Amino acid sequence: MRRDSQGRIHFKVVFYGPTFAGKTTILRRITELLKEAAEKKGKDIEVGEMISFEDRTGRTIKYDYVPVRIKSLIYEVYTTPGQRRHKFQRMMVLKDADAIIFVADSENTPERREENLYSRNELKHFLGSKLFTEIPVIVVANKRDLPNKISIAELRKLLGLPPNVPIFETIAKPDSPQRTDERIKAVFKTAVREAVLRKILKLSPKLGSRRKKE
């Protein structure tokens, strides 16, 4: 969280996960859905253009980025590149994140399970004890239209997720008649809500103590 020269509060939301899991595809759809909402709500929502740095195969090599203003708050939304050789770039994008959306690949093969686990372990390495505590994590199980998809219970066990960490099942493929727009919207709404809530609790110890008692 930071304030700009106009006093506006900025939150940073980062999509993280293995290559080809669908991070860019989901962010692109979120951008489209937010722009549709902006047309209806006017001044309450403002969405910038999505900036992407990709190689010839369509893989993200630096990051994707979209700025979103909802009322008086600004959300800077990024994706990280998934290929293992881009570790330093992921670390830089992750810096000062207020919320993380971890996108897991639902394809149930040894290779994709290993990629999911590698990304999860790397994220833990970067964030240490802040993961799941100071920094909220929303997990997305993408590609749920695959016939050989991993079960949610298996995915939760593979990633070692605490029971209170939500998992959203999504289909983000543009040409899929099964695309889950409502869940994709819920992913973003949950991430930004958690980002704001964690900061409020951190800045208000009394409120945090009261919430724990409840």
C-alpha atoms as a PDB file:
ATOM      1  CA  MET A   1       0.000   0.000   0.000  1.00  0.00           C
ATOM      2  CA  ARG A   2       1.213   3.487  -0.827  1.00  0.00           C
ATOM      3  CA  ARG A   3      -0.093   7.003  -1.312  1.00  0.00           C
ATOM      4  CA  ASP A   4       0.550   8.999  -4.449  1.00  0.00           C
ATOM      5  CA  SER A   5       1.181  12.743  -4.733  1.00  0.00           C
ATOM      6  CA  GLN A   6      -2.581  13.354  -4.734  1.00  0.00           C
ATOM      7  CA  GLY A   7      -3.044  11.436  -1.502  1.00  0.00           C
ATOM      8  CA  ARG A   8      -4.784   8.504  -3.191  1.00  0.00           C
ATOM      9  CA  ILE A   9      -4.200   5.034  -1.726  1.00  0.00           C
ATOM     10  CA  HIS A  10      -2.743   2.380  -4.045  1.00  0.00           C
ATOM     11  CA  PHE A  11      -2.915  -1.381  -3.461  1.00  0.00           C
ATOM     12  CA  LYS A  12      -0.811  -3.906  -5.364  1.00  0.00           C
ATOM     13  CA  VAL A  13      -2.386  -7.211  -6.427  1.00  0.00           C
ATOM     14  CA  VAL A  14      -0.146  -9.844  -8.029  1.00  0.00           C
ATOM     15  CA  PHE A  15      -1.096 -12.947 -10.017  1.00  0.00           C
ATOM     16  CA  TYR A  16       1.404 -15.735  -9.364  1.00  0.00           C
ATOM     17  CA  GLY A  17       1.728 -19.321 -10.588  1.00  0.00           C
ATOM     18  CA  PRO A  18       3.282 -21.653 -13.169  1.00  0.00           C
ATOM     19  CA  THR A  19       3.631 -20.933 -16.864  1.00  0.00           C
ATOM     20  CA  PHE A  20       0.536 -21.597 -18.984  1.00  0.00           C
ATOM     21  CA  ALA A  21      -1.730 -21.743 -15.924  1.00  0.00           C
ATOM     22  CA  GLY A  22      -3.786 -18.853 -17.311  1.00  0.00           C
ATOM     23  CA  LYS A  23      -2.686 -15.790 -15.319  1.00  0.00           C
ATOM     24  CA  THR A  24      -2.661 -13.445 -18.324  1.00  0.00           C
ATOM     25  CA  THR A  25      -5.915 -14.879 -19.676  1.00  0.00           C
ATOM     26  CA  ILE A  26      -7.686 -14.331 -16.362  1.00  0.00           C
ATOM     27  CA  LEU A  27      -6.361 -10.785 -15.966  1.00  0.00           C
ATOM     28  CA  ARG A  28      -7.398  -9.973 -19.531  1.00  0.00           C
ATOM     29  CA  ARG A  29     -10.932 -11.164 -18.784  1.00  0.00           C
ATOM     30  CA  ILE A  30     -11.051  -9.251 -15.504  1.00  0.00           C
ATOM     31  CA  THR A  31     -10.043  -6.132 -17.426  1.00  0.00           C
ATOM     32  CA  GLU A  32     -12.866  -6.691 -19.929  1.00  0.00           C
ATOM     33  CA  LEU A  33     -15.422  -7.278 -17.186  1.00  0.00           C
ATOM     34  CA  LEU A  34     -14.324  -4.187 -15.264  1.00  0.00           C
ATOM     35  CA  LYS A  35     -14.594  -2.065 -18.399  1.00  0.00           C
ATOM     36  CA  GLU A  36     -18.133  -3.345 -18.882  1.00  0.00           C
ATOM     37  CA  ALA A  37     -18.895  -2.374 -15.278  1.00  0.00           C
ATOM     38  CA  ALA A  38     -17.299   1.058 -15.831  1.00  0.00           C
ATOM     39  CA  GLU A  39     -19.709   1.741 -18.697  1.00  0.00           C
ATOM     40  CA  LYS A  40     -22.617   1.166 -16.304  1.00  0.00           C
ATOM     41  CA  LYS A  41     -21.256   2.863 -13.182  1.00  0.00           C
ATOM     42  CA  GLY A  42     -19.499   5.800 -14.801  1.00  0.00           C
ATOM     43  CA  LYS A  43     -17.173   7.720 -12.511  1.00  0.00           C
ATOM     44  CA  ASP A  44     -17.039   5.009  -9.809  1.00  0.00           C
ATOM     45  CA  ILE A  45     -14.783   2.752 -11.907  1.00  0.00           C
ATOM     46  CA  GLU A  46     -11.891   3.619 -14.188  1.00  0.00           C
ATOM     47  CA  VAL A  47      -9.831   0.938 -15.960  1.00  0.00           C
ATOM     48  CA  GLY A  48      -6.565   1.524 -17.792  1.00  0.00           C
ATOM     49  CA  GLU A  49      -5.292  -0.393 -20.788  1.00  0.00           C
ATOM     50  CA  MET A  50      -3.600  -3.714 -20.141  1.00  0.00           C
ATOM     51  CA  ILE A  51       0.135  -3.682 -20.805  1.00  0.00           C
ATOM     52  CA  SER A  52       1.788  -7.012 -21.647  1.00  0.00           C
ATOM     53  CA  PHE A  53       5.348  -8.109 -22.318  1.00  0.00           C
ATOM     54  CA  GLU A  54       5.258 -11.440 -24.160  1.00  0.00           C
ATOM     55  CA  ASP A  55       7.555 -13.598 -26.268  1.00  0.00           C
ATOM     56  CA  ARG A  56       6.614 -15.056 -29.652  1.00  0.00           C
ATOM     57  CA  THR A  57       4.791 -17.981 -28.063  1.00  0.00           C
ATOM     58  CA  GLY A  58       2.557 -15.703 -25.988  1.00  0.00           C
ATOM     59  CA  ARG A  59       4.359 -16.339 -22.702  1.00  0.00           C
ATOM     60  CA  THR A  60       4.772 -13.426 -20.328  1.00  0.00           C
ATOM     61  CA  ILE A  61       8.447 -12.489 -20.052  1.00  0.00           C
ATOM     62  CA  LYS A  62       8.282  -9.472 -17.726  1.00  0.00           C
ATOM     63  CA  TYR A  63       4.761  -8.870 -16.461  1.00  0.00           C
ATOM     64  CA  ASP A  64       1.239  -7.842 -17.407  1.00  0.00           C
ATOM     65  CA  TYR A  65      -0.175  -4.738 -15.784  1.00  0.00           C
ATOM     66  CA  VAL A  66      -3.556  -3.034 -15.456  1.00  0.00           C
ATOM     67  CA  PRO A  67      -4.374  -0.020 -13.239  1.00  0.00           C
ATOM     68  CA  VAL A  68      -7.900   0.003 -11.809  1.00  0.00           C
ATOM     69  CA  ARG A  69      -9.622   2.744  -9.820  1.00  0.00           C
ATOM     70  CA  ILE A  70     -12.732   1.838  -7.857  1.00  0.00           C
ATOM     71  CA  LYS A  71     -14.167   4.913  -6.169  1.00  0.00           C
ATOM     72  CA  SER A  72     -11.263   6.463  -4.214  1.00  0.00           C
ATOM     73  CA  LEU A  73      -8.961   3.415  -4.208  1.00  0.00           C
ATOM     74  CA  ILE A  74      -6.488   2.428  -6.901  1.00  0.00           C
ATOM     75  CA  TYR A  75      -5.437  -1.158  -7.558  1.00  0.00           C
ATOM     76  CA  GLU A  76      -2.268  -1.888  -9.497  1.00  0.00           C
ATOM     77  CA  VAL A  77      -2.753  -5.398 -10.850  1.00  0.00           C
ATOM     78  CA  TYR A  78       0.194  -7.441 -12.161  1.00  0.00           C
ATOM     79  CA  THR A  79       0.942 -10.940 -13.389  1.00  0.00           C
ATOM     80  CA  THR A  80       4.335 -12.584 -13.019  1.00  0.00           C
ATOM     81  CA  PRO A  81       6.065 -14.644 -15.746  1.00  0.00           C
ATOM     82  CA  GLY A  82       5.774 -18.358 -15.033  1.00  0.00           C
ATOM     83  CA  GLN A  83       8.870 -19.814 -16.663  1.00  0.00           C
ATOM     84  CA  ARG A  84      11.470 -20.847 -14.108  1.00  0.00           C
ATOM     85  CA  ARG A  85      14.260 -18.802 -15.661  1.00  0.00           C
ATOM     86  CA  HIS A  86      12.348 -15.585 -14.837  1.00  0.00           C
ATOM     87  CA  LYS A  87      12.767 -15.996 -11.075  1.00  0.00           C
ATOM     88  CA  PHE A  88      14.352 -12.564 -10.560  1.00  0.00           C
ATOM     89  CA  GLN A  89      11.555 -10.862 -12.475  1.00  0.00           C
ATOM     90  CA  ARG A  90       8.948 -12.598 -10.317  1.00  0.00           C
ATOM     91  CA  MET A  91      10.725 -11.489  -7.174  1.00  0.00           C
ATOM     92  CA  MET A  92      10.739  -7.870  -8.346  1.00  0.00           C
ATOM     93  CA  VAL A  93       7.072  -7.848  -9.345  1.00  0.00           C
ATOM     94  CA  LEU A  94       6.115  -9.457  -6.040  1.00  0.00           C
ATOM     95  CA  LYS A  95       7.763  -6.704  -4.000  1.00  0.00           C
ATOM     96  CA  ASP A  96       5.294  -4.783  -1.788  1.00  0.00           C
ATOM     97  CA  ALA A  97       2.316  -6.900  -2.884  1.00  0.00           C
ATOM     98  CA  ASP A  98      -0.818  -6.381  -0.792  1.00  0.00           C
ATOM     99  CA  ALA A  99      -2.607  -9.501  -2.068  1.00  0.00           C
ATOM    100  CA  ILE A 100      -1.661 -12.503  -4.194  1.00  0.00           C
ATOM    101  CA  ILE A 101      -3.818 -14.495  -6.574  1.00  0.00           C
ATOM    102  CA  PHE A 102      -2.144 -17.874  -7.035  1.00  0.00           C
ATOM    103  CA  VAL A 103      -3.273 -19.470 -10.300  1.00  0.00           C
ATOM    104  CA  ALA A 104      -2.796 -23.247 -10.314  1.00  0.00           C
ATOM    105  CA  ASP A 105      -2.991 -25.423 -13.422  1.00  0.00           C
ATOM    106  CA  SER A 106      -5.730 -28.050 -13.021  1.00  0.00           C
ATOM    107  CA  GLU A 107      -4.190 -30.482 -15.514  1.00  0.00           C
ATOM    108  CA  ASN A 108      -3.529 -33.633 -13.482  1.00  0.00           C
ATOM    109  CA  THR A 109      -0.186 -34.755 -14.899  1.00  0.00           C
ATOM    110  CA  PRO A 110       3.128 -35.215 -13.058  1.00  0.00           C
ATOM    111  CA  GLU A 111       4.640 -32.288 -14.969  1.00  0.00           C
ATOM    112  CA  ARG A 112       1.879 -29.807 -14.159  1.00  0.00           C
ATOM    113  CA  ARG A 113       1.648 -30.966 -10.535  1.00  0.00           C
ATOM    114  CA  GLU A 114       5.382 -30.364 -10.225  1.00  0.00           C
ATOM    115  CA  GLU A 115       5.060 -26.890 -11.770  1.00  0.00           C
ATOM    116  CA  ASN A 116       2.290 -25.984  -9.337  1.00  0.00           C
ATOM    117  CA  LEU A 117       4.354 -27.173  -6.392  1.00  0.00           C
ATOM    118  CA  TYR A 118       7.492 -25.387  -7.624  1.00  0.00           C
ATOM    119  CA  SER A 119       5.599 -22.085  -7.848  1.00  0.00           C
ATOM    120  CA  ARG A 120       4.088 -22.548  -4.411  1.00  0.00           C
ATOM    121  CA  ASN A 121       7.467 -23.363  -2.837  1.00  0.00           C
ATOM    122  CA  GLU A 122       9.118 -20.410  -4.547  1.00  0.00           C
ATOM    123  CA  LEU A 123       6.392 -18.093  -3.277  1.00  0.00           C
ATOM    124  CA  LYS A 124       6.957 -19.398   0.233  1.00  0.00           C
ATOM    125  CA  HIS A 125      10.698 -18.851  -0.203  1.00  0.00           C
ATOM    126  CA  PHE A 126      10.156 -15.228  -1.241  1.00  0.00           C
ATOM    127  CA  LEU A 127       7.580 -14.317   1.417  1.00  0.00           C
ATOM    128  CA  GLY A 128       8.421 -16.595   4.335  1.00  0.00           C
ATOM    129  CA  SER A 129       6.131 -16.157   7.332  1.00  0.00           C
ATOM    130  CA  LYS A 130       4.199 -13.349   5.600  1.00  0.00           C
ATOM    131  CA  LEU A 131       2.532 -15.877   3.289  1.00  0.00           C
ATOM    132  CA  PHE A 132      -1.096 -16.522   4.323  1.00  0.00           C
ATOM    133  CA  THR A 133      -0.664 -14.236   7.359  1.00  0.00           C
ATOM    134  CA  GLU A 134       0.311 -10.647   6.549  1.00  0.00           C
ATOM    135  CA  ILE A 135      -0.279 -11.098   2.824  1.00  0.00           C
ATOM    136  CA  PRO A 136      -3.611 -12.692   1.832  1.00  0.00           C
ATOM    137  CA  VAL A 137      -3.538 -15.393  -0.855  1.00  0.00           C
ATOM    138  CA  ILE A 138      -6.496 -16.332  -3.037  1.00  0.00           C
ATOM    139  CA  VAL A 139      -6.021 -19.590  -4.935  1.00  0.00           C
ATOM    140  CA  VAL A 140      -7.487 -20.194  -8.385  1.00  0.00           C
ATOM    141  CA  ALA A 141      -7.822 -23.689  -9.852  1.00  0.00           C
ATOM    142  CA  ASN A 142      -7.975 -22.774 -13.524  1.00  0.00           C
ATOM    143  CA  LYS A 143      -8.797 -24.973 -16.555  1.00  0.00           C
ATOM    144  CA  ARG A 144     -11.605 -26.821 -14.768  1.00  0.00           C
ATOM    145  CA  ASP A 145     -12.998 -27.887 -18.141  1.00  0.00           C
ATOM    146  CA  LEU A 146     -10.139 -30.379 -18.596  1.00  0.00           C
ATOM    147  CA  PRO A 147     -11.210 -34.057 -18.501  1.00  0.00           C
ATOM    148  CA  ASN A 148      -8.154 -35.007 -16.420  1.00  0.00           C
ATOM    149  CA  LYS A 149      -8.385 -32.233 -13.852  1.00  0.00           C
ATOM    150  CA  ILE A 150      -6.959 -32.606 -10.370  1.00  0.00           C
ATOM    151  CA  SER A 151      -9.517 -32.692  -7.572  1.00  0.00           C
ATOM    152  CA  ILE A 152      -9.759 -29.680  -5.292  1.00  0.00           C
ATOM    153  CA  ALA A 153      -8.897 -31.847  -2.278  1.00  0.00           C
ATOM    154  CA  GLU A 154      -5.743 -33.125  -4.004  1.00  0.00           C
ATOM    155  CA  LEU A 155      -4.761 -29.609  -5.073  1.00  0.00           C
ATOM    156  CA  ARG A 156      -5.204 -28.268  -1.550  1.00  0.00           C
ATOM    157  CA  LYS A 157      -3.010 -31.074  -0.209  1.00  0.00           C
ATOM    158  CA  LEU A 158      -0.377 -30.615  -2.939  1.00  0.00           C
ATOM    159  CA  LEU A 159      -0.054 -26.900  -2.218  1.00  0.00           C
ATOM    160  CA  GLY A 160      -0.243 -27.321   1.555  1.00  0.00           C
ATOM    161  CA  LEU A 161      -3.027 -24.757   1.845  1.00  0.00           C
ATOM    162  CA  PRO A 162      -4.497 -23.779   5.205  1.00  0.00           C
ATOM    163  CA  PRO A 163      -8.210 -24.695   5.410  1.00  0.00           C
ATOM    164  CA  ASN A 164      -9.278 -21.039   5.459  1.00  0.00           C
ATOM    165  CA  VAL A 165      -7.643 -20.224   2.102  1.00  0.00           C
ATOM    166  CA  PRO A 166     -10.361 -20.048  -0.571  1.00  0.00           C
ATOM    167  CA  ILE A 167     -10.011 -21.906  -3.888  1.00  0.00           C
ATOM    168  CA  PHE A 168     -11.954 -20.642  -6.901  1.00  0.00           C
ATOM    169  CA  GLU A 169     -12.590 -23.059  -9.761  1.00  0.00           C
ATOM    170  CA  THR A 170     -12.397 -21.186 -13.062  1.00  0.00           C
ATOM    171  CA  ILE A 171     -12.501 -21.608 -16.821  1.00  0.00           C
ATOM    172  CA  ALA A 172     -10.986 -18.554 -18.467  1.00  0.00           C
ATOM    173  CA  LYS A 173     -10.425 -19.730 -22.042  1.00  0.00           C
ATOM    174  CA  PRO A 174     -11.935 -17.030 -24.329  1.00  0.00           C
ATOM    175  CA  ASP A 175     -13.714 -19.405 -26.725  1.00  0.00           C
ATOM    176  CA  SER A 176     -15.137 -21.688 -24.036  1.00  0.00           C
ATOM    177  CA  PRO A 177     -18.937 -21.705 -23.635  1.00  0.00           C
ATOM    178  CA  GLN A 178     -18.266 -22.771 -20.045  1.00  0.00           C
ATOM    179  CA  ARG A 179     -16.241 -19.687 -19.156  1.00  0.00           C
ATOM    180  CA  THR A 180     -16.888 -18.791 -15.515  1.00  0.00           C
ATOM    181  CA  ASP A 181     -17.198 -15.005 -15.601  1.00  0.00           C
ATOM    182  CA  GLU A 182     -18.942 -14.763 -12.225  1.00  0.00           C
ATOM    183  CA  ARG A 183     -16.168 -16.703 -10.502  1.00  0.00           C
ATOM    184  CA  ILE A 184     -13.501 -14.705 -12.299  1.00  0.00           C
ATOM    185  CA  LYS A 185     -15.123 -11.525 -10.988  1.00  0.00           C
ATOM    186  CA  ALA A 186     -15.304 -13.073  -7.523  1.00  0.00           C
ATOM    187  CA  VAL A 187     -11.560 -13.776  -7.628  1.00  0.00           C
ATOM    188  CA  PHE A 188     -10.766 -10.098  -8.146  1.00  0.00           C
ATOM    189  CA  LYS A 189     -13.359  -8.862  -5.654  1.00  0.00           C
ATOM    190  CA  THR A 190     -12.045 -11.214  -2.972  1.00  0.00           C
ATOM    191  CA  ALA A 191      -8.427 -10.220  -3.588  1.00  0.00           C
ATOM    192  CA  VAL A 192      -9.017  -6.479  -3.364  1.00  0.00           C
ATOM    193  CA  ARG A 193     -11.326  -6.846  -0.355  1.00  0.00           C
ATOM    194  CA  GLU A 194      -8.726  -8.897   1.516  1.00  0.00           C
ATOM    195  CA  ALA A 195      -5.961  -6.445   0.587  1.00  0.00           C
ATOM    196  CA  VAL A 196      -7.907  -3.517   2.011  1.00  0.00           C
ATOM    197  CA  LEU A 197      -9.126  -5.428   5.070  1.00  0.00           C
ATOM    198  CA  ARG A 198      -5.643  -6.609   6.055  1.00  0.00           C
ATOM    199  CA  LYS A 199      -4.322  -3.054   5.911  1.00  0.00           C
ATOM    200  CA  ILE A 200      -7.213  -1.724   7.965  1.00  0.00           C
ATOM    201  CA  LEU A 201      -6.618  -4.375  10.619  1.00  0.00           C
ATOM    202  CA  LYS A 202      -2.888  -3.713  10.610  1.00  0.00           C
ATOM    203  CA  LEU A 203      -3.443   0.001  11.100  1.00  0.00           C
ATOM    204  CA  SER A 204      -6.169  -0.543  13.709  1.00  0.00           C
ATOM    205  CA  PRO A 205      -4.905  -2.919  16.446  1.00  0.00           C
ATOM    206  CA  LYS A 206      -8.071  -2.557  18.505  1.00  0.00           C
ATOM    207  CA  LEU A 207     -10.228  -3.552  15.548  1.00  0.00           C
ATOM    208  CA  GLY A 208      -7.965  -6.522  14.880  1.00  0.00           C
ATOM    209  CA  SER A 209      -8.205  -7.709  18.498  1.00  0.00           C
ATOM    210  CA  ARG A 210     -11.975  -7.422  18.461  1.00  0.00           C
ATOM    211  CA  ARG A 211     -12.194  -9.449  15.238  1.00  0.00           C
ATOM    212  CA  LYS A 212     -10.069 -12.254  16.736  1.00  0.00           C
ATOM    213  CA  LYS A 213     -12.379 -12.482  19.752  1.00  0.00           C
ATOM    214  CA  GLU A 214     -15.395 -12.757  17.443  1.00  0.00           C
END
